[in-house]
Amino acid sequence: MKERQKELLRHESTRRFLGETFVVMVLIGAFLMVVVEPVLLSRFPSIFPEEPVRTGPPRAWVPDTRIGWFTASLGALLLGSYMYYRMYFTDLGKDAVEAFDKNR
């Protein structure tokens, strides 16, 4: 299995696709945290109440509030639509899909 993964990562199109996806994921996360969350918290306080002050240890990757679940869902939707477009409607995506199919 590791040889297949190494062979897959040797393709430039696969590395570029994974790199671009990582960059877009970071940008979407930053956009949601810096722009979307404050706007939703200020405009719709009855739907998205302010988060309570936490005194215990942080629970990473667990969206346990309405705003957390909403931004996680919106982020997954945005990243998923980007990946779908990139894989099926661009030349880079077609090359990456061919590399995946060849190593399957």
PDB file of N, CA and C in Angstrom:
ATOM      1  N   MET A   1       0.819  -1.198   0.000  1.00  0.00           N
ATOM      2  CA  MET A   1       0.000   0.000   0.000  1.00  0.00           C
ATOM      3  C   MET A   1       0.859   1.257   0.000  1.00  0.00           C
ATOM      4  N   LYS A   2       1.956   1.228   0.721  1.00  0.00           N
ATOM      5  CA  LYS A   2       2.789   2.422   0.787  1.00  0.00           C
ATOM      6  C   LYS A   2       3.425   2.732  -0.561  1.00  0.00           C
ATOM      7  N   GLU A   3       3.731   1.710  -1.333  1.00  0.00           N
ATOM      8  CA  GLU A   3       4.309   1.943  -2.663  1.00  0.00           C
ATOM      9  C   GLU A   3       3.304   2.653  -3.565  1.00  0.00           C
ATOM     10  N   ARG A   4       2.044   2.276  -3.468  1.00  0.00           N
ATOM     11  CA  ARG A   4       1.010   2.947  -4.261  1.00  0.00           C
ATOM     12  C   ARG A   4       0.909   4.420  -3.880  1.00  0.00           C
ATOM     13  N   GLN A   5       0.965   4.690  -2.579  1.00  0.00           N
ATOM     14  CA  GLN A   5       0.880   6.075  -2.126  1.00  0.00           C
ATOM     15  C   GLN A   5       2.092   6.875  -2.581  1.00  0.00           C
ATOM     16  N   LYS A   6       3.273   6.273  -2.510  1.00  0.00           N
ATOM     17  CA  LYS A   6       4.483   6.967  -2.965  1.00  0.00           C
ATOM     18  C   LYS A   6       4.407   7.249  -4.458  1.00  0.00           C
ATOM     19  N   GLU A   7       3.940   6.267  -5.209  1.00  0.00           N
ATOM     20  CA  GLU A   7       3.815   6.455  -6.659  1.00  0.00           C
ATOM     21  C   GLU A   7       2.809   7.557  -6.982  1.00  0.00           C
ATOM     22  N   LEU A   8       1.735   7.585  -6.227  1.00  0.00           N
ATOM     23  CA  LEU A   8       0.707   8.605  -6.441  1.00  0.00           C
ATOM     24  C   LEU A   8       1.247   9.997  -6.145  1.00  0.00           C
ATOM     25  N   LEU A   9       2.046  10.124  -5.103  1.00  0.00           N
ATOM     26  CA  LEU A   9       2.595  11.434  -4.742  1.00  0.00           C
ATOM     27  C   LEU A   9       3.740  11.863  -5.655  1.00  0.00           C
ATOM     28  N   ARG A  10       4.248  10.972  -6.474  1.00  0.00           N
ATOM     29  CA  ARG A  10       5.295  11.352  -7.435  1.00  0.00           C
ATOM     30  C   ARG A  10       4.733  12.186  -8.583  1.00  0.00           C
ATOM     31  N   HIS A  11       3.445  12.035  -8.851  1.00  0.00           N
ATOM     32  CA  HIS A  11       2.820  12.803  -9.928  1.00  0.00           C
ATOM     33  C   HIS A  11       2.690  14.260  -9.511  1.00  0.00           C
ATOM     34  N   GLU A  12       3.122  15.150 -10.385  1.00  0.00           N
ATOM     35  CA  GLU A  12       3.057  16.578 -10.070  1.00  0.00           C
ATOM     36  C   GLU A  12       1.615  17.044  -9.909  1.00  0.00           C
ATOM     37  N   SER A  13       0.718  16.519 -10.731  1.00  0.00           N
ATOM     38  CA  SER A  13      -0.675  16.965 -10.659  1.00  0.00           C
ATOM     39  C   SER A  13      -1.313  16.581  -9.323  1.00  0.00           C
ATOM     40  N   THR A  14      -0.970  15.422  -8.797  1.00  0.00           N
ATOM     41  CA  THR A  14      -1.523  15.011  -7.509  1.00  0.00           C
ATOM     42  C   THR A  14      -1.000  15.888  -6.386  1.00  0.00           C
ATOM     43  N   ARG A  15       0.305  16.146  -6.381  1.00  0.00           N
ATOM     44  CA  ARG A  15       0.887  17.010  -5.344  1.00  0.00           C
ATOM     45  C   ARG A  15       0.299  18.412  -5.423  1.00  0.00           C
ATOM     46  N   ARG A  16       0.151  18.916  -6.634  1.00  0.00           N
ATOM     47  CA  ARG A  16      -0.393  20.265  -6.798  1.00  0.00           C
ATOM     48  C   ARG A  16      -1.846  20.324  -6.347  1.00  0.00           C
ATOM     49  N   PHE A  17      -2.630  19.307  -6.699  1.00  0.00           N
ATOM     50  CA  PHE A  17      -4.030  19.265  -6.277  1.00  0.00           C
ATOM     51  C   PHE A  17      -4.137  19.233  -4.755  1.00  0.00           C
ATOM     52  N   LEU A  18      -3.338  18.394  -4.094  1.00  0.00           N
ATOM     53  CA  LEU A  18      -3.374  18.318  -2.633  1.00  0.00           C
ATOM     54  C   LEU A  18      -2.912  19.624  -1.998  1.00  0.00           C
ATOM     55  N   GLY A  19      -1.886  20.239  -2.561  1.00  0.00           N
ATOM     56  CA  GLY A  19      -1.405  21.517  -2.040  1.00  0.00           C
ATOM     57  C   GLY A  19      -2.439  22.614  -2.176  1.00  0.00           C
ATOM     58  N   GLU A  20      -3.060  22.701  -3.349  1.00  0.00           N
ATOM     59  CA  GLU A  20      -4.095  23.719  -3.558  1.00  0.00           C
ATOM     60  C   GLU A  20      -5.288  23.492  -2.636  1.00  0.00           C
ATOM     61  N   THR A  21      -5.666  22.233  -2.449  1.00  0.00           N
ATOM     62  CA  THR A  21      -6.786  21.926  -1.571  1.00  0.00           C
ATOM     63  C   THR A  21      -6.476  22.339  -0.133  1.00  0.00           C
ATOM     64  N   PHE A  22      -5.251  22.098   0.322  1.00  0.00           N
ATOM     65  CA  PHE A  22      -4.859  22.505   1.672  1.00  0.00           C
ATOM     66  C   PHE A  22      -4.915  24.022   1.828  1.00  0.00           C
ATOM     67  N   VAL A  23      -4.394  24.742   0.829  1.00  0.00           N
ATOM     68  CA  VAL A  23      -4.404  26.208   0.893  1.00  0.00           C
ATOM     69  C   VAL A  23      -5.838  26.732   0.912  1.00  0.00           C
ATOM     70  N   VAL A  24      -6.692  26.190   0.064  1.00  0.00           N
ATOM     71  CA  VAL A  24      -8.093  26.627   0.026  1.00  0.00           C
ATOM     72  C   VAL A  24      -8.789  26.296   1.347  1.00  0.00           C
ATOM     73  N   MET A  25      -8.476  25.141   1.933  1.00  0.00           N
ATOM     74  CA  MET A  25      -9.068  24.771   3.213  1.00  0.00           C
ATOM     75  C   MET A  25      -8.685  25.772   4.304  1.00  0.00           C
ATOM     76  N   VAL A  26      -7.424  26.174   4.341  1.00  0.00           N
ATOM     77  CA  VAL A  26      -6.975  27.155   5.337  1.00  0.00           C
ATOM     78  C   VAL A  26      -7.651  28.504   5.097  1.00  0.00           C
ATOM     79  N   LEU A  27      -7.743  28.923   3.839  1.00  0.00           N
ATOM     80  CA  LEU A  27      -8.380  30.206   3.527  1.00  0.00           C
ATOM     81  C   LEU A  27      -9.867  30.209   3.880  1.00  0.00           C
ATOM     82  N   ILE A  28     -10.554  29.113   3.594  1.00  0.00           N
ATOM     83  CA  ILE A  28     -11.975  29.022   3.938  1.00  0.00           C
ATOM     84  C   ILE A  28     -12.150  29.073   5.455  1.00  0.00           C
ATOM     85  N   GLY A  29     -11.314  28.349   6.179  1.00  0.00           N
ATOM     86  CA  GLY A  29     -11.399  28.372   7.641  1.00  0.00           C
ATOM     87  C   GLY A  29     -11.161  29.751   8.207  1.00  0.00           C
ATOM     88  N   ALA A  30     -10.153  30.440   7.685  1.00  0.00           N
ATOM     89  CA  ALA A  30      -9.866  31.799   8.158  1.00  0.00           C
ATOM     90  C   ALA A  30     -11.012  32.745   7.817  1.00  0.00           C
ATOM     91  N   PHE A  31     -11.560  32.634   6.612  1.00  0.00           N
ATOM     92  CA  PHE A  31     -12.681  33.479   6.204  1.00  0.00           C
ATOM     93  C   PHE A  31     -13.889  33.262   7.108  1.00  0.00           C
ATOM     94  N   LEU A  32     -14.173  32.012   7.414  1.00  0.00           N
ATOM     95  CA  LEU A  32     -15.324  31.722   8.268  1.00  0.00           C
ATOM     96  C   LEU A  32     -15.126  32.260   9.680  1.00  0.00           C
ATOM     97  N   MET A  33     -13.916  32.131  10.211  1.00  0.00           N
ATOM     98  CA  MET A  33     -13.665  32.587  11.582  1.00  0.00           C
ATOM     99  C   MET A  33     -13.595  34.103  11.688  1.00  0.00           C
ATOM    100  N   VAL A  34     -13.004  34.756  10.689  1.00  0.00           N
ATOM    101  CA  VAL A  34     -12.766  36.197  10.782  1.00  0.00           C
ATOM    102  C   VAL A  34     -13.951  37.013  10.268  1.00  0.00           C
ATOM    103  N   VAL A  35     -14.625  36.534   9.234  1.00  0.00           N
ATOM    104  CA  VAL A  35     -15.683  37.332   8.607  1.00  0.00           C
ATOM    105  C   VAL A  35     -17.086  36.811   8.948  1.00  0.00           C
ATOM    106  N   VAL A  36     -17.330  35.548   8.684  1.00  0.00           N
ATOM    107  CA  VAL A  36     -18.696  35.026   8.775  1.00  0.00           C
ATOM    108  C   VAL A  36     -19.184  34.933  10.224  1.00  0.00           C
ATOM    109  N   GLU A  37     -18.374  34.355  11.109  1.00  0.00           N
ATOM    110  CA  GLU A  37     -18.818  34.195  12.498  1.00  0.00           C
ATOM    111  C   GLU A  37     -19.184  35.516  13.171  1.00  0.00           C
ATOM    112  N   PRO A  38     -18.329  36.547  13.117  1.00  0.00           N
ATOM    113  CA  PRO A  38     -18.718  37.809  13.767  1.00  0.00           C
ATOM    114  C   PRO A  38     -19.977  38.440  13.176  1.00  0.00           C
ATOM    115  N   VAL A  39     -20.143  38.327  11.862  1.00  0.00           N
ATOM    116  CA  VAL A  39     -21.344  38.892  11.234  1.00  0.00           C
ATOM    117  C   VAL A  39     -22.591  38.154  11.708  1.00  0.00           C
ATOM    118  N   LEU A  40     -22.540  36.827  11.719  1.00  0.00           N
ATOM    119  CA  LEU A  40     -23.704  36.061  12.160  1.00  0.00           C
ATOM    120  C   LEU A  40     -24.011  36.298  13.632  1.00  0.00           C
ATOM    121  N   LEU A  41     -22.975  36.378  14.458  1.00  0.00           N
ATOM    122  CA  LEU A  41     -23.199  36.608  15.888  1.00  0.00           C
ATOM    123  C   LEU A  41     -23.796  37.985  16.152  1.00  0.00           C
ATOM    124  N   SER A  42     -23.418  38.980  15.349  1.00  0.00           N
ATOM    125  CA  SER A  42     -23.949  40.327  15.585  1.00  0.00           C
ATOM    126  C   SER A  42     -25.313  40.547  14.931  1.00  0.00           C
ATOM    127  N   ARG A  43     -25.549  39.954  13.775  1.00  0.00           N
ATOM    128  CA  ARG A  43     -26.812  40.184  13.056  1.00  0.00           C
ATOM    129  C   ARG A  43     -27.958  39.292  13.539  1.00  0.00           C
ATOM    130  N   PHE A  44     -27.640  38.081  13.951  1.00  0.00           N
ATOM    131  CA  PHE A  44     -28.674  37.117  14.338  1.00  0.00           C
ATOM    132  C   PHE A  44     -28.422  36.580  15.746  1.00  0.00           C
ATOM    133  N   PRO A  45     -28.525  37.435  16.763  1.00  0.00           N
ATOM    134  CA  PRO A  45     -28.219  36.968  18.119  1.00  0.00           C
ATOM    135  C   PRO A  45     -29.231  35.964  18.673  1.00  0.00           C
ATOM    136  N   SER A  46     -30.457  35.967  18.156  1.00  0.00           N
ATOM    137  CA  SER A  46     -31.435  35.003  18.667  1.00  0.00           C
ATOM    138  C   SER A  46     -31.181  33.602  18.116  1.00  0.00           C
ATOM    139  N   ILE A  47     -30.652  33.521  16.901  1.00  0.00           N
ATOM    140  CA  ILE A  47     -30.349  32.219  16.304  1.00  0.00           C
ATOM    141  C   ILE A  47     -28.984  31.724  16.765  1.00  0.00           C
ATOM    142  N   PHE A  48     -28.010  32.618  16.780  1.00  0.00           N
ATOM    143  CA  PHE A  48     -26.652  32.274  17.182  1.00  0.00           C
ATOM    144  C   PHE A  48     -26.282  33.074  18.430  1.00  0.00           C
ATOM    145  N   PRO A  49     -26.664  32.595  19.609  1.00  0.00           N
ATOM    146  CA  PRO A  49     -26.319  33.346  20.818  1.00  0.00           C
ATOM    147  C   PRO A  49     -24.812  33.337  21.048  1.00  0.00           C
ATOM    148  N   GLU A  50     -24.346  34.323  21.808  1.00  0.00           N
ATOM    149  CA  GLU A  50     -22.917  34.395  22.118  1.00  0.00           C
ATOM    150  C   GLU A  50     -22.489  33.107  22.810  1.00  0.00           C
ATOM    151  N   GLU A  51     -21.282  32.671  22.492  1.00  0.00           N
ATOM    152  CA  GLU A  51     -20.772  31.461  23.118  1.00  0.00           C
ATOM    153  C   GLU A  51     -20.455  31.735  24.587  1.00  0.00           C
ATOM    154  N   PRO A  52     -20.721  30.779  25.462  1.00  0.00           N
ATOM    155  CA  PRO A  52     -20.384  30.974  26.869  1.00  0.00           C
ATOM    156  C   PRO A  52     -18.870  30.976  27.073  1.00  0.00           C
ATOM    157  N   VAL A  53     -18.439  31.659  28.110  1.00  0.00           N
ATOM    158  CA  VAL A  53     -17.011  31.691  28.424  1.00  0.00           C
ATOM    159  C   VAL A  53     -16.621  30.332  28.977  1.00  0.00           C
ATOM    160  N   ARG A  54     -15.597  29.756  28.403  1.00  0.00           N
ATOM    161  CA  ARG A  54     -15.171  28.419  28.823  1.00  0.00           C
ATOM    162  C   ARG A  54     -14.018  28.547  29.816  1.00  0.00           C
ATOM    163  N   THR A  55     -14.091  27.749  30.858  1.00  0.00           N
ATOM    164  CA  THR A  55     -13.016  27.769  31.840  1.00  0.00           C
ATOM    165  C   THR A  55     -12.185  26.500  31.797  1.00  0.00           C
ATOM    166  N   GLY A  56     -12.689  25.461  31.176  1.00  0.00           N
ATOM    167  CA  GLY A  56     -11.967  24.189  31.114  1.00  0.00           C
ATOM    168  C   GLY A  56     -11.047  24.130  29.910  1.00  0.00           C
ATOM    169  N   PRO A  57     -10.490  22.955  29.658  1.00  0.00           N
ATOM    170  CA  PRO A  57      -9.592  22.806  28.509  1.00  0.00           C
ATOM    171  C   PRO A  57     -10.362  22.916  27.200  1.00  0.00           C
ATOM    172  N   PRO A  58      -9.731  23.415  26.155  1.00  0.00           N
ATOM    173  CA  PRO A  58     -10.424  23.542  24.867  1.00  0.00           C
ATOM    174  C   PRO A  58     -10.687  22.173  24.251  1.00  0.00           C
ATOM    175  N   ARG A  59     -11.793  22.079  23.584  1.00  0.00           N
ATOM    176  CA  ARG A  59     -12.139  20.839  22.881  1.00  0.00           C
ATOM    177  C   ARG A  59     -11.985  21.104  21.395  1.00  0.00           C
ATOM    178  N   ALA A  60     -10.820  20.805  20.892  1.00  0.00           N
ATOM    179  CA  ALA A  60     -10.510  21.108  19.494  1.00  0.00           C
ATOM    180  C   ALA A  60     -11.344  20.237  18.556  1.00  0.00           C
ATOM    181  N   TRP A  61     -11.765  20.813  17.459  1.00  0.00           N
ATOM    182  CA  TRP A  61     -12.479  20.145  16.370  1.00  0.00           C
ATOM    183  C   TRP A  61     -13.864  19.668  16.777  1.00  0.00           C
ATOM    184  N   VAL A  62     -14.407  20.190  17.878  1.00  0.00           N
ATOM    185  CA  VAL A  62     -15.750  19.803  18.277  1.00  0.00           C
ATOM    186  C   VAL A  62     -16.630  21.051  18.278  1.00  0.00           C
ATOM    187  N   PRO A  63     -17.429  21.241  17.234  1.00  0.00           N
ATOM    188  CA  PRO A  63     -18.308  22.416  17.207  1.00  0.00           C
ATOM    189  C   PRO A  63     -19.540  22.173  18.065  1.00  0.00           C
ATOM    190  N   ASP A  64     -19.489  22.541  19.338  1.00  0.00           N
ATOM    191  CA  ASP A  64     -20.591  22.228  20.242  1.00  0.00           C
ATOM    192  C   ASP A  64     -21.570  23.384  20.424  1.00  0.00           C
ATOM    193  N   THR A  65     -21.547  24.354  19.532  1.00  0.00           N
ATOM    194  CA  THR A  65     -22.519  25.443  19.557  1.00  0.00           C
ATOM    195  C   THR A  65     -23.172  25.537  18.183  1.00  0.00           C
ATOM    196  N   ARG A  66     -24.250  26.288  18.099  1.00  0.00           N
ATOM    197  CA  ARG A  66     -24.923  26.454  16.799  1.00  0.00           C
ATOM    198  C   ARG A  66     -24.002  27.086  15.766  1.00  0.00           C
ATOM    199  N   ILE A  67     -23.265  28.120  16.191  1.00  0.00           N
ATOM    200  CA  ILE A  67     -22.379  28.792  15.237  1.00  0.00           C
ATOM    201  C   ILE A  67     -21.257  27.852  14.808  1.00  0.00           C
ATOM    202  N   GLY A  68     -20.805  27.007  15.718  1.00  0.00           N
ATOM    203  CA  GLY A  68     -19.762  26.045  15.379  1.00  0.00           C
ATOM    204  C   GLY A  68     -20.233  25.032  14.348  1.00  0.00           C
ATOM    205  N   TRP A  69     -21.416  24.478  14.572  1.00  0.00           N
ATOM    206  CA  TRP A  69     -21.966  23.525  13.607  1.00  0.00           C
ATOM    207  C   TRP A  69     -22.258  24.198  12.269  1.00  0.00           C
ATOM    208  N   PHE A  70     -22.763  25.416  12.313  1.00  0.00           N
ATOM    209  CA  PHE A  70     -23.073  26.119  11.071  1.00  0.00           C
ATOM    210  C   PHE A  70     -21.810  26.392  10.263  1.00  0.00           C
ATOM    211  N   THR A  71     -20.765  26.902  10.910  1.00  0.00           N
ATOM    212  CA  THR A  71     -19.531  27.204  10.170  1.00  0.00           C
ATOM    213  C   THR A  71     -18.835  25.931   9.708  1.00  0.00           C
ATOM    214  N   ALA A  72     -18.914  24.853  10.494  1.00  0.00           N
ATOM    215  CA  ALA A  72     -18.325  23.583  10.055  1.00  0.00           C
ATOM    216  C   ALA A  72     -19.053  23.056   8.819  1.00  0.00           C
ATOM    217  N   SER A  73     -20.377  23.139   8.829  1.00  0.00           N
ATOM    218  CA  SER A  73     -21.163  22.684   7.672  1.00  0.00           C
ATOM    219  C   SER A  73     -20.910  23.558   6.449  1.00  0.00           C
ATOM    220  N   LEU A  74     -20.873  24.871   6.652  1.00  0.00           N
ATOM    221  CA  LEU A  74     -20.618  25.779   5.539  1.00  0.00           C
ATOM    222  C   LEU A  74     -19.212  25.571   4.982  1.00  0.00           C
ATOM    223  N   GLY A  75     -18.242  25.359   5.847  1.00  0.00           N
ATOM    224  CA  GLY A  75     -16.879  25.097   5.393  1.00  0.00           C
ATOM    225  C   GLY A  75     -16.783  23.811   4.593  1.00  0.00           C
ATOM    226  N   ALA A  76     -17.458  22.757   5.055  1.00  0.00           N
ATOM    227  CA  ALA A  76     -17.458  21.493   4.317  1.00  0.00           C
ATOM    228  C   ALA A  76     -18.132  21.651   2.958  1.00  0.00           C
ATOM    229  N   LEU A  77     -19.213  22.407   2.913  1.00  0.00           N
ATOM    230  CA  LEU A  77     -19.908  22.650   1.646  1.00  0.00           C
ATOM    231  C   LEU A  77     -19.026  23.427   0.671  1.00  0.00           C
ATOM    232  N   LEU A  78     -18.364  24.469   1.154  1.00  0.00           N
ATOM    233  CA  LEU A  78     -17.500  25.272   0.280  1.00  0.00           C
ATOM    234  C   LEU A  78     -16.297  24.476  -0.206  1.00  0.00           C
ATOM    235  N   LEU A  79     -15.641  23.747   0.699  1.00  0.00           N
ATOM    236  CA  LEU A  79     -14.474  22.964   0.302  1.00  0.00           C
ATOM    237  C   LEU A  79     -14.874  21.823  -0.629  1.00  0.00           C
ATOM    238  N   GLY A  80     -15.993  21.186  -0.340  1.00  0.00           N
ATOM    239  CA  GLY A  80     -16.463  20.101  -1.202  1.00  0.00           C
ATOM    240  C   GLY A  80     -16.799  20.573  -2.602  1.00  0.00           C
ATOM    241  N   SER A  81     -17.441  21.728  -2.707  1.00  0.00           N
ATOM    242  CA  SER A  81     -17.772  22.236  -4.044  1.00  0.00           C
ATOM    243  C   SER A  81     -16.516  22.664  -4.793  1.00  0.00           C
ATOM    244  N   TYR A  82     -15.533  23.223  -4.077  1.00  0.00           N
ATOM    245  CA  TYR A  82     -14.261  23.565  -4.728  1.00  0.00           C
ATOM    246  C   TYR A  82     -13.579  22.304  -5.250  1.00  0.00           C
ATOM    247  N   MET A  83     -13.513  21.267  -4.415  1.00  0.00           N
ATOM    248  CA  MET A  83     -12.835  20.034  -4.835  1.00  0.00           C
ATOM    249  C   MET A  83     -13.567  19.379  -6.002  1.00  0.00           C
ATOM    250  N   TYR A  84     -14.892  19.377  -5.970  1.00  0.00           N
ATOM    251  CA  TYR A  84     -15.663  18.797  -7.069  1.00  0.00           C
ATOM    252  C   TYR A  84     -15.373  19.533  -8.371  1.00  0.00           C
ATOM    253  N   TYR A  85     -15.417  20.864  -8.327  1.00  0.00           N
ATOM    254  CA  TYR A  85     -15.132  21.646  -9.526  1.00  0.00           C
ATOM    255  C   TYR A  85     -13.709  21.386 -10.009  1.00  0.00           C
ATOM    256  N   ARG A  86     -12.769  21.401  -9.093  1.00  0.00           N
ATOM    257  CA  ARG A  86     -11.357  21.270  -9.473  1.00  0.00           C
ATOM    258  C   ARG A  86     -11.065  19.895 -10.056  1.00  0.00           C
ATOM    259  N   MET A  87     -11.716  18.853  -9.546  1.00  0.00           N
ATOM    260  CA  MET A  87     -11.420  17.503 -10.031  1.00  0.00           C
ATOM    261  C   MET A  87     -12.093  17.183 -11.354  1.00  0.00           C
ATOM    262  N   TYR A  88     -13.286  17.690 -11.578  1.00  0.00           N
ATOM    263  CA  TYR A  88     -14.045  17.247 -12.740  1.00  0.00           C
ATOM    264  C   TYR A  88     -14.164  18.269 -13.858  1.00  0.00           C
ATOM    265  N   PHE A  89     -13.720  19.503 -13.649  1.00  0.00           N
ATOM    266  CA  PHE A  89     -13.885  20.511 -14.681  1.00  0.00           C
ATOM    267  C   PHE A  89     -12.595  21.227 -15.060  1.00  0.00           C
ATOM    268  N   THR A  90     -11.446  20.756 -14.600  1.00  0.00           N
ATOM    269  CA  THR A  90     -10.171  21.376 -14.961  1.00  0.00           C
ATOM    270  C   THR A  90      -9.197  20.303 -15.427  1.00  0.00           C
ATOM    271  N   ASP A  91      -8.192  20.728 -16.173  1.00  0.00           N
ATOM    272  CA  ASP A  91      -7.185  19.783 -16.659  1.00  0.00           C
ATOM    273  C   ASP A  91      -6.378  19.182 -15.517  1.00  0.00           C
ATOM    274  N   LEU A  92      -6.067  19.989 -14.511  1.00  0.00           N
ATOM    275  CA  LEU A  92      -5.317  19.477 -13.366  1.00  0.00           C
ATOM    276  C   LEU A  92      -6.094  18.368 -12.668  1.00  0.00           C
ATOM    277  N   GLY A  93      -7.373  18.561 -12.502  1.00  0.00           N
ATOM    278  CA  GLY A  93      -8.196  17.541 -11.867  1.00  0.00           C
ATOM    279  C   GLY A  93      -8.263  16.269 -12.688  1.00  0.00           C
ATOM    280  N   LYS A  94      -8.354  16.408 -14.002  1.00  0.00           N
ATOM    281  CA  LYS A  94      -8.383  15.220 -14.856  1.00  0.00           C
ATOM    282  C   LYS A  94      -7.081  14.445 -14.751  1.00  0.00           C
ATOM    283  N   ASP A  95      -5.953  15.156 -14.696  1.00  0.00           N
ATOM    284  CA  ASP A  95      -4.662  14.484 -14.516  1.00  0.00           C
ATOM    285  C   ASP A  95      -4.596  13.778 -13.166  1.00  0.00           C
ATOM    286  N   ALA A  96      -5.092  14.417 -12.124  1.00  0.00           N
ATOM    287  CA  ALA A  96      -5.080  13.806 -10.790  1.00  0.00           C
ATOM    288  C   ALA A  96      -5.984  12.576 -10.747  1.00  0.00           C
ATOM    289  N   VAL A  97      -7.148  12.652 -11.377  1.00  0.00           N
ATOM    290  CA  VAL A  97      -8.053  11.504 -11.412  1.00  0.00           C
ATOM    291  C   VAL A  97      -7.415  10.353 -12.171  1.00  0.00           C
ATOM    292  N   GLU A  98      -6.735  10.644 -13.282  1.00  0.00           N
ATOM    293  CA  GLU A  98      -6.037   9.594 -14.024  1.00  0.00           C
ATOM    294  C   GLU A  98      -4.955   8.947 -13.170  1.00  0.00           C
ATOM    295  N   ALA A  99      -4.225   9.747 -12.410  1.00  0.00           N
ATOM    296  CA  ALA A  99      -3.183   9.193 -11.536  1.00  0.00           C
ATOM    297  C   ALA A  99      -3.803   8.313 -10.452  1.00  0.00           C
ATOM    298  N   PHE A 100      -4.935   8.741  -9.886  1.00  0.00           N
ATOM    299  CA  PHE A 100      -5.611   7.921  -8.879  1.00  0.00           C
ATOM    300  C   PHE A 100      -6.099   6.616  -9.495  1.00  0.00           C
ATOM    301  N   ASP A 101      -6.715   6.688 -10.684  1.00  0.00           N
ATOM    302  CA  ASP A 101      -7.248   5.488 -11.320  1.00  0.00           C
ATOM    303  C   ASP A 101      -6.142   4.514 -11.702  1.00  0.00           C
ATOM    304  N   LYS A 102      -5.012   5.051 -12.142  1.00  0.00           N
ATOM    305  CA  LYS A 102      -3.901   4.190 -12.547  1.00  0.00           C
ATOM    306  C   LYS A 102      -3.324   3.433 -11.351  1.00  0.00           C
ATOM    307  N   ASN A 103      -3.329   4.060 -10.187  1.00  0.00           N
ATOM    308  CA  ASN A 103      -2.747   3.434  -9.003  1.00  0.00           C
ATOM    309  C   ASN A 103      -3.770   2.714  -8.131  1.00  0.00           C
ATOM    310  N   ARG A 104      -4.960   2.573  -8.603  1.00  0.00           N
ATOM    311  CA  ARG A 104      -5.990   1.909  -7.808  1.00  0.00           C
ATOM    312  C   ARG A 104      -5.809   0.428  -7.824  1.00  0.00           C
TER     313      ARG A 104
END
